[in-house]
Amino acid sequence: MLEGKCILLLLAGIGTTMAATAPEFRNIGDLNNMLVSENTPVGESIFQIRAYDPDGNALDFSISGDTFRISPAGVNAQGETLGDLEVAKILDRETNPVVRFDVSITDGLGGHTITHSDILINVIDYNDNSPQFQGTPYEATLSENADIGTSIITVRATDIDSGQNGAVNYQLTSHTDSFEIGQVDGILRLLDRTAIESEQQTAYAVTVRAVDGGSQPLATSVDVFVQITDEQNRAPVWLNEPYEVSITEGTPGSLQAS
């Protein structure tokens, strides 16, 4: 009778795979310190994780945080379970340049959970911010007798992108016959005095453009208001010359100019 019970127990175990061995990641180390552009679309797969269970059990992936997600991608010819690591929300290097998260795999029967912690993804810059002028409005005065090359005012723009995307250069887009600006230092200077000496215009709105160094540059413009101050540089001018005066003899206090 005891022999029959042993046969029944053996038969009951046929077809059941016991999870005696923990599963393992095959390529998770390649994911750490990976570079991902901040303009990567939501839903795009950036890496395929491979995991293997020696007992042949199905594996489930899980991930911490809400920046990325893992979508099941089947099993390859080597019996590895595949999971596509996808972007789950819009990336922004300026607010979160490094994303840290954990990835876990769990087998179906043995209750094994293997976690790879503190995976780092570096979000690299995309030129998505235009330069912004600081300290506006810009207002200055300039004497009409100022020397050529006189510094009038300094403008400053900053760009929160990194590298060349955040490098700013300056250009003038108006009154370029009278003024010039330093491409790097942003100093507005007097280029030519001809127009301001004519006294036909006593104020100028000089438009300055700040352009970043991205491969597809972004730009912002601002007006610099320059007031021309008058100087005593002209002598009085007599009008309607010549003047003639006749005086009638015997008529006191009476003058007539013609």
C-alpha atoms as a PDB file:
ATOM      1  CA  MET A   1       0.000   0.000   0.000  1.00  0.00           C
ATOM      2  CA  LEU A   2       2.880   2.395   0.776  1.00  0.00           C
ATOM      3  CA  GLU A   3       4.383   1.665  -2.660  1.00  0.00           C
ATOM      4  CA  GLY A   4       1.178   2.849  -4.346  1.00  0.00           C
ATOM      5  CA  LYS A   5       1.182   6.154  -2.483  1.00  0.00           C
ATOM      6  CA  CYS A   6       4.729   6.874  -3.690  1.00  0.00           C
ATOM      7  CA  ILE A   7       3.708   6.209  -7.288  1.00  0.00           C
ATOM      8  CA  LEU A   8       0.751   8.615  -6.955  1.00  0.00           C
ATOM      9  CA  LEU A   9       2.948  11.401  -5.517  1.00  0.00           C
ATOM     10  CA  LEU A  10       5.442  10.979  -8.335  1.00  0.00           C
ATOM     11  CA  LEU A  11       2.724  11.157 -10.970  1.00  0.00           C
ATOM     12  CA  ALA A  12       1.254  14.301  -9.358  1.00  0.00           C
ATOM     13  CA  GLY A  13       4.589  16.073  -9.763  1.00  0.00           C
ATOM     14  CA  ILE A  14       4.867  15.337 -13.501  1.00  0.00           C
ATOM     15  CA  GLY A  15       4.310  18.514 -15.645  1.00  0.00           C
ATOM     16  CA  THR A  16       5.027  20.972 -12.828  1.00  0.00           C
ATOM     17  CA  THR A  17       8.219  23.072 -12.973  1.00  0.00           C
ATOM     18  CA  MET A  18       9.454  24.087  -9.572  1.00  0.00           C
ATOM     19  CA  ALA A  19      11.175  27.498  -9.414  1.00  0.00           C
ATOM     20  CA  ALA A  20      14.324  26.337  -7.704  1.00  0.00           C
ATOM     21  CA  THR A  21      16.586  28.908  -9.382  1.00  0.00           C
ATOM     22  CA  ALA A  22      16.137  32.693  -9.326  1.00  0.00           C
ATOM     23  CA  PRO A  23      15.813  34.508 -12.644  1.00  0.00           C
ATOM     24  CA  GLU A  24      18.518  36.885 -13.853  1.00  0.00           C
ATOM     25  CA  PHE A  25      18.923  40.009 -15.940  1.00  0.00           C
ATOM     26  CA  ARG A  26      21.011  39.513 -19.053  1.00  0.00           C
ATOM     27  CA  ASN A  27      21.775  43.085 -20.177  1.00  0.00           C
ATOM     28  CA  ILE A  28      20.528  45.494 -17.506  1.00  0.00           C
ATOM     29  CA  GLY A  29      24.066  46.827 -16.954  1.00  0.00           C
ATOM     30  CA  ASP A  30      24.058  48.280 -20.477  1.00  0.00           C
ATOM     31  CA  LEU A  31      21.125  50.496 -19.508  1.00  0.00           C
ATOM     32  CA  ASN A  32      22.885  52.360 -16.718  1.00  0.00           C
ATOM     33  CA  ASN A  33      24.095  55.883 -17.675  1.00  0.00           C
ATOM     34  CA  MET A  34      22.397  55.677 -21.044  1.00  0.00           C
ATOM     35  CA  LEU A  35      21.893  59.006 -22.883  1.00  0.00           C
ATOM     36  CA  VAL A  36      18.377  59.951 -24.038  1.00  0.00           C
ATOM     37  CA  SER A  37      17.419  63.176 -25.802  1.00  0.00           C
ATOM     38  CA  GLU A  38      14.772  65.266 -24.096  1.00  0.00           C
ATOM     39  CA  ASN A  39      12.793  65.446 -27.360  1.00  0.00           C
ATOM     40  CA  THR A  40      12.292  61.650 -27.478  1.00  0.00           C
ATOM     41  CA  PRO A  41       8.553  61.115 -28.099  1.00  0.00           C
ATOM     42  CA  VAL A  42       6.355  59.578 -25.423  1.00  0.00           C
ATOM     43  CA  GLY A  43       5.838  55.893 -26.200  1.00  0.00           C
ATOM     44  CA  GLU A  44       9.148  55.436 -28.016  1.00  0.00           C
ATOM     45  CA  SER A  45      11.221  52.420 -26.952  1.00  0.00           C
ATOM     46  CA  ILE A  46      14.761  53.354 -25.945  1.00  0.00           C
ATOM     47  CA  PHE A  47      16.070  49.960 -24.776  1.00  0.00           C
ATOM     48  CA  GLN A  48      15.055  46.292 -24.765  1.00  0.00           C
ATOM     49  CA  ILE A  49      15.646  44.518 -21.477  1.00  0.00           C
ATOM     50  CA  ARG A  50      16.449  40.780 -21.568  1.00  0.00           C
ATOM     51  CA  ALA A  51      15.911  38.486 -18.600  1.00  0.00           C
ATOM     52  CA  TYR A  52      16.166  34.703 -18.232  1.00  0.00           C
ATOM     53  CA  ASP A  53      14.709  32.116 -15.893  1.00  0.00           C
ATOM     54  CA  PRO A  54      16.671  28.802 -15.812  1.00  0.00           C
ATOM     55  CA  ASP A  55      13.511  26.983 -14.764  1.00  0.00           C
ATOM     56  CA  GLY A  56      11.702  28.187 -17.883  1.00  0.00           C
ATOM     57  CA  ASN A  57       9.046  30.131 -15.997  1.00  0.00           C
ATOM     58  CA  ALA A  58       7.377  33.253 -17.352  1.00  0.00           C
ATOM     59  CA  LEU A  59       8.795  36.527 -16.040  1.00  0.00           C
ATOM     60  CA  ASP A  60       7.071  39.805 -15.257  1.00  0.00           C
ATOM     61  CA  PHE A  61       8.816  43.190 -15.359  1.00  0.00           C
ATOM     62  CA  SER A  62       8.104  46.135 -13.078  1.00  0.00           C
ATOM     63  CA  ILE A  63       9.676  49.595 -12.815  1.00  0.00           C
ATOM     64  CA  SER A  64       9.655  52.401 -10.271  1.00  0.00           C
ATOM     65  CA  GLY A  65       8.790  56.014 -11.028  1.00  0.00           C
ATOM     66  CA  ASP A  66       6.606  57.464 -13.783  1.00  0.00           C
ATOM     67  CA  THR A  67       9.157  58.639 -16.356  1.00  0.00           C
ATOM     68  CA  PHE A  68       9.563  55.273 -18.086  1.00  0.00           C
ATOM     69  CA  ARG A  69       7.481  52.112 -18.443  1.00  0.00           C
ATOM     70  CA  ILE A  70       8.163  48.535 -19.563  1.00  0.00           C
ATOM     71  CA  SER A  71       5.982  46.860 -22.178  1.00  0.00           C
ATOM     72  CA  PRO A  72       6.145  43.058 -22.641  1.00  0.00           C
ATOM     73  CA  ALA A  73       7.884  42.130 -25.909  1.00  0.00           C
ATOM     74  CA  GLY A  74       7.654  38.317 -25.901  1.00  0.00           C
ATOM     75  CA  VAL A  75      10.383  35.697 -25.699  1.00  0.00           C
ATOM     76  CA  ASN A  76      13.332  35.340 -28.065  1.00  0.00           C
ATOM     77  CA  ALA A  77      14.881  32.190 -29.500  1.00  0.00           C
ATOM     78  CA  GLN A  78      17.223  31.905 -26.510  1.00  0.00           C
ATOM     79  CA  GLY A  79      14.270  31.714 -24.144  1.00  0.00           C
ATOM     80  CA  GLU A  80      14.897  35.194 -22.760  1.00  0.00           C
ATOM     81  CA  THR A  81      11.901  37.263 -21.713  1.00  0.00           C
ATOM     82  CA  LEU A  82      11.938  40.674 -23.402  1.00  0.00           C
ATOM     83  CA  GLY A  83      10.647  44.024 -22.146  1.00  0.00           C
ATOM     84  CA  ASP A  84      10.711  47.312 -24.067  1.00  0.00           C
ATOM     85  CA  LEU A  85      11.698  50.299 -21.934  1.00  0.00           C
ATOM     86  CA  GLU A  86       9.567  53.188 -23.209  1.00  0.00           C
ATOM     87  CA  VAL A  87       9.299  56.907 -22.481  1.00  0.00           C
ATOM     88  CA  ALA A  88       6.151  57.379 -20.394  1.00  0.00           C
ATOM     89  CA  LYS A  89       6.043  61.184 -20.153  1.00  0.00           C
ATOM     90  CA  ILE A  90       7.675  64.241 -21.706  1.00  0.00           C
ATOM     91  CA  LEU A  91      11.341  64.563 -20.766  1.00  0.00           C
ATOM     92  CA  ASP A  92      12.751  67.922 -19.681  1.00  0.00           C
ATOM     93  CA  ARG A  93      16.496  68.212 -19.117  1.00  0.00           C
ATOM     94  CA  GLU A  94      16.155  71.665 -17.566  1.00  0.00           C
ATOM     95  CA  THR A  95      14.048  70.345 -14.668  1.00  0.00           C
ATOM     96  CA  ASN A  96      15.217  66.723 -14.445  1.00  0.00           C
ATOM     97  CA  PRO A  97      18.561  66.031 -16.173  1.00  0.00           C
ATOM     98  CA  VAL A  98      19.074  62.618 -14.534  1.00  0.00           C
ATOM     99  CA  VAL A  99      16.328  60.027 -14.040  1.00  0.00           C
ATOM    100  CA  ARG A 100      16.893  57.364 -11.360  1.00  0.00           C
ATOM    101  CA  PHE A 101      14.740  54.212 -11.127  1.00  0.00           C
ATOM    102  CA  ASP A 102      14.643  50.498 -10.240  1.00  0.00           C
ATOM    103  CA  VAL A 103      13.734  47.555 -12.473  1.00  0.00           C
ATOM    104  CA  SER A 104      12.501  44.221 -11.103  1.00  0.00           C
ATOM    105  CA  ILE A 105      11.724  40.793 -12.536  1.00  0.00           C
ATOM    106  CA  THR A 106       9.473  38.224 -10.843  1.00  0.00           C
ATOM    107  CA  ASP A 107       9.052  34.554 -11.783  1.00  0.00           C
ATOM    108  CA  GLY A 108       5.657  32.941 -11.749  1.00  0.00           C
ATOM    109  CA  LEU A 109       6.031  30.056  -9.310  1.00  0.00           C
ATOM    110  CA  GLY A 110       8.972  30.425  -7.000  1.00  0.00           C
ATOM    111  CA  GLY A 111       8.222  33.884  -5.690  1.00  0.00           C
ATOM    112  CA  HIS A 112      11.643  35.159  -6.677  1.00  0.00           C
ATOM    113  CA  THR A 113      11.943  38.901  -7.263  1.00  0.00           C
ATOM    114  CA  ILE A 114      15.245  40.284  -8.533  1.00  0.00           C
ATOM    115  CA  THR A 115      15.699  44.054  -8.502  1.00  0.00           C
ATOM    116  CA  HIS A 116      18.355  46.136 -10.174  1.00  0.00           C
ATOM    117  CA  SER A 117      18.423  49.425  -8.242  1.00  0.00           C
ATOM    118  CA  ASP A 118      19.537  52.978  -8.965  1.00  0.00           C
ATOM    119  CA  ILE A 119      19.615  52.819 -12.729  1.00  0.00           C
ATOM    120  CA  LEU A 120      20.535  56.247 -14.122  1.00  0.00           C
ATOM    121  CA  ILE A 121      19.365  57.681 -17.437  1.00  0.00           C
ATOM    122  CA  ASN A 122      20.984  60.969 -18.512  1.00  0.00           C
ATOM    123  CA  VAL A 123      18.641  63.312 -20.369  1.00  0.00           C
ATOM    124  CA  ILE A 124      20.619  65.278 -22.951  1.00  0.00           C
ATOM    125  CA  ASP A 125      19.708  68.713 -24.205  1.00  0.00           C
ATOM    126  CA  TYR A 126      17.579  69.596 -27.185  1.00  0.00           C
ATOM    127  CA  ASN A 127      17.348  73.217 -28.325  1.00  0.00           C
ATOM    128  CA  ASP A 128      13.841  73.936 -27.047  1.00  0.00           C
ATOM    129  CA  ASN A 129      14.369  77.260 -25.248  1.00  0.00           C
ATOM    130  CA  SER A 130      14.937  80.666 -26.833  1.00  0.00           C
ATOM    131  CA  PRO A 131      17.166  83.343 -25.257  1.00  0.00           C
ATOM    132  CA  GLN A 132      15.493  85.649 -22.725  1.00  0.00           C
ATOM    133  CA  PHE A 133      16.601  89.241 -22.144  1.00  0.00           C
ATOM    134  CA  GLN A 134      17.333  90.219 -18.553  1.00  0.00           C
ATOM    135  CA  GLY A 135      16.820  93.635 -16.923  1.00  0.00           C
ATOM    136  CA  THR A 136      14.368  95.068 -19.411  1.00  0.00           C
ATOM    137  CA  PRO A 137      13.291  97.681 -20.376  1.00  0.00           C
ATOM    138  CA  TYR A 138      16.492  99.085 -21.829  1.00  0.00           C
ATOM    139  CA  GLU A 139      16.682 102.891 -21.862  1.00  0.00           C
ATOM    140  CA  ALA A 140      19.702 105.148 -22.354  1.00  0.00           C
ATOM    141  CA  THR A 141      20.690 108.711 -23.227  1.00  0.00           C
ATOM    142  CA  LEU A 142      23.310 109.764 -25.752  1.00  0.00           C
ATOM    143  CA  SER A 143      24.770 113.193 -26.395  1.00  0.00           C
ATOM    144  CA  GLU A 144      24.552 114.333 -29.987  1.00  0.00           C
ATOM    145  CA  ASN A 145      28.265 115.203 -29.667  1.00  0.00           C
ATOM    146  CA  ALA A 146      29.279 111.719 -28.459  1.00  0.00           C
ATOM    147  CA  ASP A 147      32.438 110.230 -29.928  1.00  0.00           C
ATOM    148  CA  ILE A 148      32.245 107.411 -32.432  1.00  0.00           C
ATOM    149  CA  GLY A 149      32.501 104.111 -30.548  1.00  0.00           C
ATOM    150  CA  THR A 150      30.900 105.481 -27.375  1.00  0.00           C
ATOM    151  CA  SER A 151      29.320 102.686 -25.286  1.00  0.00           C
ATOM    152  CA  ILE A 152      25.628 103.432 -24.798  1.00  0.00           C
ATOM    153  CA  ILE A 153      24.176 100.473 -22.906  1.00  0.00           C
ATOM    154  CA  THR A 154      24.757  96.742 -22.385  1.00  0.00           C
ATOM    155  CA  VAL A 155      22.009  94.207 -23.028  1.00  0.00           C
ATOM    156  CA  ARG A 156      22.094  90.677 -21.662  1.00  0.00           C
ATOM    157  CA  ALA A 157      20.175  87.561 -22.659  1.00  0.00           C
ATOM    158  CA  THR A 158      20.442  84.072 -21.180  1.00  0.00           C
ATOM    159  CA  ASP A 159      19.407  80.671 -22.510  1.00  0.00           C
ATOM    160  CA  ILE A 160      18.787  77.747 -20.148  1.00  0.00           C
ATOM    161  CA  ASP A 161      19.740  75.153 -22.769  1.00  0.00           C
ATOM    162  CA  SER A 162      23.216  73.652 -22.451  1.00  0.00           C
ATOM    163  CA  GLY A 163      26.355  73.841 -24.596  1.00  0.00           C
ATOM    164  CA  GLN A 164      26.014  75.559 -27.949  1.00  0.00           C
ATOM    165  CA  ASN A 165      22.244  75.509 -27.586  1.00  0.00           C
ATOM    166  CA  GLY A 166      22.653  77.930 -24.684  1.00  0.00           C
ATOM    167  CA  ALA A 167      25.322  80.173 -26.254  1.00  0.00           C
ATOM    168  CA  VAL A 168      23.938  83.625 -27.129  1.00  0.00           C
ATOM    169  CA  ASN A 169      25.054  86.116 -29.791  1.00  0.00           C
ATOM    170  CA  TYR A 170      23.626  89.577 -30.466  1.00  0.00           C
ATOM    171  CA  GLN A 171      22.610  91.299 -33.695  1.00  0.00           C
ATOM    172  CA  LEU A 172      21.056  94.641 -34.647  1.00  0.00           C
ATOM    173  CA  THR A 173      18.031  94.610 -36.933  1.00  0.00           C
ATOM    174  CA  SER A 174      17.336  98.373 -37.074  1.00  0.00           C
ATOM    175  CA  HIS A 175      19.299 101.653 -37.271  1.00  0.00           C
ATOM    176  CA  THR A 176      22.416  99.790 -38.310  1.00  0.00           C
ATOM    177  CA  ASP A 177      23.733 102.956 -40.007  1.00  0.00           C
ATOM    178  CA  SER A 178      24.048 104.755 -36.665  1.00  0.00           C
ATOM    179  CA  PHE A 179      24.627 101.982 -34.099  1.00  0.00           C
ATOM    180  CA  GLU A 180      26.443  98.675 -33.700  1.00  0.00           C
ATOM    181  CA  ILE A 181      26.439  95.962 -31.042  1.00  0.00           C
ATOM    182  CA  GLY A 182      29.078  93.579 -29.725  1.00  0.00           C
ATOM    183  CA  GLN A 183      28.224  90.098 -30.939  1.00  0.00           C
ATOM    184  CA  VAL A 184      29.322  88.522 -27.670  1.00  0.00           C
ATOM    185  CA  ASP A 185      29.373  91.290 -25.036  1.00  0.00           C
ATOM    186  CA  GLY A 186      26.041  92.898 -25.998  1.00  0.00           C
ATOM    187  CA  ILE A 187      27.394  96.463 -25.742  1.00  0.00           C
ATOM    188  CA  LEU A 188      25.502  98.947 -27.935  1.00  0.00           C
ATOM    189  CA  ARG A 189      27.860 101.564 -29.393  1.00  0.00           C
ATOM    190  CA  LEU A 190      27.660 104.650 -31.596  1.00  0.00           C
ATOM    191  CA  LEU A 191      28.754 103.788 -35.122  1.00  0.00           C
ATOM    192  CA  ASP A 192      28.072 107.048 -37.014  1.00  0.00           C
ATOM    193  CA  ARG A 193      26.975 110.499 -35.834  1.00  0.00           C
ATOM    194  CA  THR A 194      25.552 111.792 -39.096  1.00  0.00           C
ATOM    195  CA  ALA A 195      21.913 110.993 -38.386  1.00  0.00           C
ATOM    196  CA  ILE A 196      21.845 112.155 -34.777  1.00  0.00           C
ATOM    197  CA  GLU A 197      23.653 115.411 -35.581  1.00  0.00           C
ATOM    198  CA  SER A 198      20.927 116.318 -38.056  1.00  0.00           C
ATOM    199  CA  GLU A 199      18.561 116.736 -35.078  1.00  0.00           C
ATOM    200  CA  GLN A 200      15.707 115.438 -37.209  1.00  0.00           C
ATOM    201  CA  GLN A 201      15.145 112.597 -34.737  1.00  0.00           C
ATOM    202  CA  THR A 202      15.639 112.922 -30.988  1.00  0.00           C
ATOM    203  CA  ALA A 203      14.921 109.308 -29.953  1.00  0.00           C
ATOM    204  CA  TYR A 204      15.589 105.876 -31.413  1.00  0.00           C
ATOM    205  CA  ALA A 205      14.108 102.416 -30.806  1.00  0.00           C
ATOM    206  CA  VAL A 206      17.054 100.198 -31.692  1.00  0.00           C
ATOM    207  CA  THR A 207      16.034  96.545 -32.114  1.00  0.00           C
ATOM    208  CA  VAL A 208      18.476  93.955 -30.746  1.00  0.00           C
ATOM    209  CA  ARG A 209      18.153  90.277 -31.571  1.00  0.00           C
ATOM    210  CA  ALA A 210      19.577  87.509 -29.342  1.00  0.00           C
ATOM    211  CA  VAL A 211      20.236  84.233 -31.189  1.00  0.00           C
ATOM    212  CA  ASP A 212      21.318  80.937 -29.640  1.00  0.00           C
ATOM    213  CA  GLY A 213      23.863  78.546 -31.138  1.00  0.00           C
ATOM    214  CA  GLY A 214      21.603  75.576 -31.866  1.00  0.00           C
ATOM    215  CA  SER A 215      21.633  73.794 -35.211  1.00  0.00           C
ATOM    216  CA  GLN A 216      18.132  75.188 -35.619  1.00  0.00           C
ATOM    217  CA  PRO A 217      18.653  78.535 -33.850  1.00  0.00           C
ATOM    218  CA  LEU A 218      16.013  80.201 -31.719  1.00  0.00           C
ATOM    219  CA  ALA A 219      15.904  83.989 -31.294  1.00  0.00           C
ATOM    220  CA  THR A 220      14.254  86.753 -29.278  1.00  0.00           C
ATOM    221  CA  SER A 221      14.192  90.503 -29.971  1.00  0.00           C
ATOM    222  CA  VAL A 222      13.982  93.576 -27.739  1.00  0.00           C
ATOM    223  CA  ASP A 223      13.893  97.339 -28.361  1.00  0.00           C
ATOM    224  CA  VAL A 224      16.535  99.586 -26.786  1.00  0.00           C
ATOM    225  CA  PHE A 225      15.284 103.170 -26.402  1.00  0.00           C
ATOM    226  CA  VAL A 226      18.024 105.776 -26.917  1.00  0.00           C
ATOM    227  CA  GLN A 227      17.234 109.430 -26.175  1.00  0.00           C
ATOM    228  CA  ILE A 228      19.495 111.949 -27.913  1.00  0.00           C
ATOM    229  CA  THR A 229      20.375 114.919 -25.694  1.00  0.00           C
ATOM    230  CA  ASP A 230      20.869 118.302 -27.332  1.00  0.00           C
ATOM    231  CA  GLU A 231      24.145 120.170 -26.960  1.00  0.00           C
ATOM    232  CA  GLN A 232      24.872 123.878 -27.502  1.00  0.00           C
ATOM    233  CA  ASN A 233      26.671 123.392 -30.779  1.00  0.00           C
ATOM    234  CA  ARG A 234      24.948 125.897 -33.084  1.00  0.00           C
ATOM    235  CA  ALA A 235      25.221 129.706 -33.114  1.00  0.00           C
ATOM    236  CA  PRO A 236      22.037 131.806 -33.414  1.00  0.00           C
ATOM    237  CA  VAL A 237      20.981 132.545 -36.991  1.00  0.00           C
ATOM    238  CA  TRP A 238      19.464 135.841 -38.088  1.00  0.00           C
ATOM    239  CA  LEU A 239      16.327 135.484 -40.160  1.00  0.00           C
ATOM    240  CA  ASN A 240      15.191 137.703 -43.060  1.00  0.00           C
ATOM    241  CA  GLU A 241      18.438 139.592 -43.423  1.00  0.00           C
ATOM    242  CA  PRO A 242      19.331 142.331 -44.203  1.00  0.00           C
ATOM    243  CA  TYR A 243      17.592 144.662 -41.763  1.00  0.00           C
ATOM    244  CA  GLU A 244      17.066 148.367 -42.656  1.00  0.00           C
ATOM    245  CA  VAL A 245      15.735 151.058 -40.353  1.00  0.00           C
ATOM    246  CA  SER A 246      14.475 154.529 -41.317  1.00  0.00           C
ATOM    247  CA  ILE A 247      14.051 157.322 -38.796  1.00  0.00           C
ATOM    248  CA  THR A 248      11.948 160.371 -39.531  1.00  0.00           C
ATOM    249  CA  GLU A 249      13.555 163.506 -38.235  1.00  0.00           C
ATOM    250  CA  GLY A 250      11.613 165.130 -35.468  1.00  0.00           C
ATOM    251  CA  THR A 251       9.561 162.037 -34.601  1.00  0.00           C
ATOM    252  CA  PRO A 252      10.808 160.980 -31.204  1.00  0.00           C
ATOM    253  CA  GLY A 253      10.406 157.382 -30.133  1.00  0.00           C
ATOM    254  CA  SER A 254       9.294 156.177 -33.528  1.00  0.00           C
ATOM    255  CA  LEU A 255      11.297 153.552 -35.421  1.00  0.00           C
ATOM    256  CA  GLN A 256      10.319 151.600 -38.492  1.00  0.00           C
ATOM    257  CA  ALA A 257      12.300 148.614 -39.739  1.00  0.00           C
ATOM    258  CA  SER A 258      12.051 147.335 -43.267  1.00  0.00           C
END
